[in-house]
C-alpha atoms as a PDB file:
ATOM      1  CA  ALA A   1      16.197   7.486   6.658  1.00  0.00           C
ATOM      2  CA  ASN A   2      13.757   4.906   5.745  1.00  0.00           C
ATOM      3  CA  SER A   3      11.795   2.823   8.345  1.00  0.00           C
ATOM      4  CA  VAL A   4      11.732  -0.544   7.535  1.00  0.00           C
ATOM      5  CA  ILE A   5       8.633  -2.457   8.545  1.00  0.00           C
ATOM      6  CA  HIS A   6       9.214  -6.281   7.859  1.00  0.00           C
ATOM      7  CA  GLN A   7       6.760  -9.125   8.928  1.00  0.00           C
ATOM      8  CA  LEU A   8       9.204 -12.003   9.269  1.00  0.00           C
ATOM      9  CA  ALA A   9       8.084 -15.258   7.343  1.00  0.00           C
ATOM     10  CA  PRO A  10       6.179 -17.277   7.876  1.00  0.00           C
ATOM     11  CA  SER A  11       4.082 -14.685  10.167  1.00  0.00           C
ATOM     12  CA  THR A  12       0.404 -14.783   9.190  1.00  0.00           C
ATOM     13  CA  ALA A  13      -0.496 -12.286  12.114  1.00  0.00           C
ATOM     14  CA  THR A  14      -2.335  -9.192  10.648  1.00  0.00           C
ATOM     15  CA  LEU A  15      -0.212  -6.053  10.345  1.00  0.00           C
ATOM     16  CA  THR A  16      -2.355  -2.544  10.807  1.00  0.00           C
ATOM     17  CA  LEU A  17      -0.330   0.412  10.572  1.00  0.00           C
ATOM     18  CA  SER A  18      -2.339   3.593  11.567  1.00  0.00           C
ATOM     19  CA  CYS A  19      -0.494   7.129  10.102  1.00  0.00           C
ATOM     20  CA  ASN A  20      -2.544   9.935  11.265  1.00  0.00           C
ATOM     21  CA  SER A  21      -1.059  12.870  11.491  1.00  0.00           C
ATOM     22  CA  GLN A  22       0.766  15.282   8.960  1.00  0.00           C
ATOM     23  CA  ALA A  23       3.778  13.876   7.107  1.00  0.00           C
ATOM     24  CA  SER A  24       3.599  10.388   9.524  1.00  0.00           C
ATOM     25  CA  CYS A  25       5.300   7.476   7.466  1.00  0.00           C
ATOM     26  CA  GLN A  26       7.291   8.710   4.769  1.00  0.00           C
ATOM     27  CA  SER A  27       9.094   6.994   2.482  1.00  0.00           C
ATOM     28  CA  ILE A  28       8.562   3.560   4.729  1.00  0.00           C
ATOM     29  CA  ASP A  29       9.273  -0.065   3.560  1.00  0.00           C
ATOM     30  CA  VAL A  30       6.598  -2.449   4.544  1.00  0.00           C
ATOM     31  CA  THR A  31       6.870  -6.480   4.285  1.00  0.00           C
ATOM     32  CA  CYS A  32       3.022  -7.062   4.309  1.00  0.00           C
ATOM     33  CA  PRO A  33       2.189 -10.948   6.220  1.00  0.00           C
ATOM     34  CA  ASN A  34       1.819 -14.345   4.356  1.00  0.00           C
ATOM     35  CA  LYS A  35      -1.866 -15.480   3.956  1.00  0.00           C
ATOM     36  CA  PRO A  36      -4.464 -15.816   6.539  1.00  0.00           C
ATOM     37  CA  GLY A  37      -2.490 -13.017   7.613  1.00  0.00           C
ATOM     38  CA  VAL A  38      -4.122  -9.401   6.362  1.00  0.00           C
ATOM     39  CA  CYS A  39      -2.207  -5.983   6.431  1.00  0.00           C
ATOM     40  CA  ASN A  40      -4.103  -3.043   6.548  1.00  0.00           C
ATOM     41  CA  ILE A  41      -2.309   0.655   6.238  1.00  0.00           C
ATOM     42  CA  ASP A  42      -4.054   3.942   6.902  1.00  0.00           C
ATOM     43  CA  CYS A  43      -2.476   7.238   5.424  1.00  0.00           C
ATOM     44  CA  ASP A  44      -4.690   9.950   6.893  1.00  0.00           C
ATOM     45  CA  GLY A  45      -2.628  13.478   6.694  1.00  0.00           C
ATOM     46  CA  HIS A  46      -1.360  15.853   4.695  1.00  0.00           C
ATOM     47  CA  THR A  47       1.861  13.552   3.520  1.00  0.00           C
ATOM     48  CA  ALA A  48       1.259  10.891   5.276  1.00  0.00           C
ATOM     49  CA  CYS A  49       2.843   7.631   3.642  1.00  0.00           C
ATOM     50  CA  GLN A  50       4.710   9.776   0.808  1.00  0.00           C
ATOM     51  CA  SER A  51       6.792   7.101  -0.719  1.00  0.00           C
ATOM     52  CA  ILE A  52       5.774   4.611   0.787  1.00  0.00           C
ATOM     53  CA  THR A  53       6.786   0.971  -0.598  1.00  0.00           C
ATOM     54  CA  LEU A  54       4.227  -1.842  -0.042  1.00  0.00           C
ATOM     55  CA  ARG A  55       5.929  -5.411  -1.094  1.00  0.00           C
ATOM     56  CA  ARG A  56       4.832  -9.307  -0.861  1.00  0.00           C
ATOM     57  CA  PRO A  57       6.423 -11.853   1.280  1.00  0.00           C
ATOM     58  CA  MET A  58       9.332 -12.358   0.652  1.00  0.00           C
ATOM     59  CA  VAL A  59      10.461 -15.145  -2.047  1.00  0.00           C
ATOM     60  CA  GLY A  60      10.082 -18.628  -1.258  1.00  0.00           C
ATOM     61  CA  SER A  61       7.769 -17.533   1.315  1.00  0.00           C
ATOM     62  CA  LEU A  62       3.670 -18.392   1.260  1.00  0.00           C
ATOM     63  CA  ASP A  63       1.530 -16.655  -0.493  1.00  0.00           C
ATOM     64  CA  GLY A  64       0.543 -13.055   0.798  1.00  0.00           C
ATOM     65  CA  GLY A  65      -2.216 -12.034   2.569  1.00  0.00           C
ATOM     66  CA  ALA A  66      -5.243  -9.506   1.449  1.00  0.00           C
ATOM     67  CA  LEU A  67      -4.101  -5.746   1.570  1.00  0.00           C
ATOM     68  CA  LYS A  68      -6.191  -2.855   2.176  1.00  0.00           C
ATOM     69  CA  LEU A  69      -4.274   0.554   2.208  1.00  0.00           C
ATOM     70  CA  ASN A  70      -6.713   4.254   3.096  1.00  0.00           C
ATOM     71  CA  CYS A  71      -5.006   6.826   1.649  1.00  0.00           C
ATOM     72  CA  SER A  72      -6.885   9.777   2.985  1.00  0.00           C
ATOM     73  CA  GLY A  73      -5.914  13.218   2.925  1.00  0.00           C
ATOM     74  CA  SER A  74      -3.927  16.074   0.509  1.00  0.00           C
ATOM     75  CA  SER A  75      -0.714  13.914  -0.935  1.00  0.00           C
ATOM     76  CA  THR A  76      -1.333  11.098   0.705  1.00  0.00           C
ATOM     77  CA  CYS A  77       0.949   8.186  -0.775  1.00  0.00           C
ATOM     78  CA  ALA A  78       2.287  10.285  -3.330  1.00  0.00           C
ATOM     79  CA  GLY A  79       5.403   8.645  -5.137  1.00  0.00           C
ATOM     80  CA  GLY A  80       4.801   5.563  -3.443  1.00  0.00           C
ATOM     81  CA  SER A  81       5.200   2.003  -4.644  1.00  0.00           C
ATOM     82  CA  MET A  82       2.317  -0.823  -4.271  1.00  0.00           C
ATOM     83  CA  GLU A  83       2.728  -4.459  -4.533  1.00  0.00           C
ATOM     84  CA  CYS A  84      -0.765  -6.639  -4.187  1.00  0.00           C
ATOM     85  CA  PRO A  85      -1.091 -10.162  -3.290  1.00  0.00           C
ATOM     86  CA  THR A  86      -1.001 -12.656  -5.701  1.00  0.00           C
ATOM     87  CA  ASP A  87      -3.730 -14.798  -4.538  1.00  0.00           C
ATOM     88  CA  GLU A  88      -5.680 -12.218  -2.534  1.00  0.00           C
ATOM     89  CA  PRO A  89      -7.942  -9.298  -2.868  1.00  0.00           C
ATOM     90  CA  CYS A  90      -6.346  -5.657  -3.026  1.00  0.00           C
ATOM     91  CA  ASP A  91      -7.757  -2.716  -2.047  1.00  0.00           C
ATOM     92  CA  ILE A  92      -6.145   0.571  -2.536  1.00  0.00           C
ATOM     93  CA  ASN A  93      -8.197   3.903  -1.503  1.00  0.00           C
ATOM     94  CA  CYS A  94      -6.606   6.986  -2.501  1.00  0.00           C
ATOM     95  CA  ILE A  95      -8.996  10.062  -1.565  1.00  0.00           C
ATOM     96  CA  GLY A  96      -7.724  13.661  -1.479  1.00  0.00           C
ATOM     97  CA  THR A  97      -5.884  16.034  -3.552  1.00  0.00           C
ATOM     98  CA  SER A  98      -2.885  14.620  -4.875  1.00  0.00           C
ATOM     99  CA  SER A  99      -3.394  11.266  -3.430  1.00  0.00           C
ATOM    100  CA  CYS A 100      -1.480   8.291  -4.761  1.00  0.00           C
ATOM    101  CA  GLN A 101      -0.091  10.547  -7.261  1.00  0.00           C
ATOM    102  CA  ASN A 102       3.177   9.662  -9.527  1.00  0.00           C
ATOM    103  CA  THR A 103       2.661   5.696  -7.920  1.00  0.00           C
ATOM    104  CA  ASN A 104       3.282   2.538  -9.302  1.00  0.00           C
ATOM    105  CA  MET A 105       0.518  -0.499  -8.144  1.00  0.00           C
ATOM    106  CA  TYR A 106       1.158  -3.788  -9.405  1.00  0.00           C
ATOM    107  CA  CYS A 107      -1.301  -5.775  -9.774  1.00  0.00           C
ATOM    108  CA  PRO A 108      -1.871  -9.744 -10.123  1.00  0.00           C
ATOM    109  CA  ALA A 109      -3.405 -10.856 -13.188  1.00  0.00           C
ATOM    110  CA  THR A 110      -5.613 -13.466 -11.460  1.00  0.00           C
ATOM    111  CA  GLN A 111      -6.586 -11.709  -8.592  1.00  0.00           C
ATOM    112  CA  PRO A 112      -9.498  -8.899  -7.768  1.00  0.00           C
ATOM    113  CA  CYS A 113      -7.204  -5.546  -7.907  1.00  0.00           C
ATOM    114  CA  ASP A 114      -9.940  -2.324  -6.967  1.00  0.00           C
ATOM    115  CA  ILE A 115      -8.009   0.835  -7.034  1.00  0.00           C
ATOM    116  CA  ALA A 116     -10.403   3.970  -6.184  1.00  0.00           C
ATOM    117  CA  CYS A 117      -9.091   7.409  -7.390  1.00  0.00           C
ATOM    118  CA  HIS A 118     -11.417  10.720  -5.757  1.00  0.00           C
ATOM    119  CA  GLY A 119      -9.865  14.089  -5.310  1.00  0.00           C
ATOM    120  CA  VAL A 120      -8.419  16.631  -7.718  1.00  0.00           C
ATOM    121  CA  ARG A 121      -4.785  15.084  -9.046  1.00  0.00           C
ATOM    122  CA  ALA A 122      -5.597  11.747  -7.389  1.00  0.00           C
ATOM    123  CA  CYS A 123      -3.763   9.162  -9.007  1.00  0.00           C
ATOM    124  CA  GLY A 124      -2.729  11.224 -11.337  1.00  0.00           C
ATOM    125  CA  PHE A 125       0.651  10.595 -13.426  1.00  0.00           C
ATOM    126  CA  SER A 126       0.768   6.793 -11.590  1.00  0.00           C
ATOM    127  CA  SER A 127       0.476   3.175 -13.597  1.00  0.00           C
ATOM    128  CA  ALA A 128      -1.172   0.185 -12.614  1.00  0.00           C
ATOM    129  CA  SER A 129       0.661  -2.766 -13.993  1.00  0.00           C
ATOM    130  CA  SER A 130      -0.354  -6.353 -13.822  1.00  0.00           C
ATOM    131  CA  VAL A 131       2.122  -8.898 -13.032  1.00  0.00           C
END
């Protein structure tokens, strides 16, 4: 079963999620907060955050706050889907063997979207698209 974590609109609090053990936070569905809130997610452990879904705030709400996602470890964040905020910076760090492999990343065309891939097959077979 998937876990769902939603910041309810119009929340502007910072969402911090630490998934720091093997297989933690797999298949979770996270809706990040509105700005000035920030979405900080750390995935550090073999297969942590696999198949994670990160969403901007719900349609009709305020614009999303900045997103910072760290995927550190073997196969972290693999098979995931990440939507960066439309008007705030987005940093996705994939550090480790096969981290962020087979992942879809959606970046706004008008904002900084930094995706760093370090490790064997990090970001392999992944896509980054402007929206």
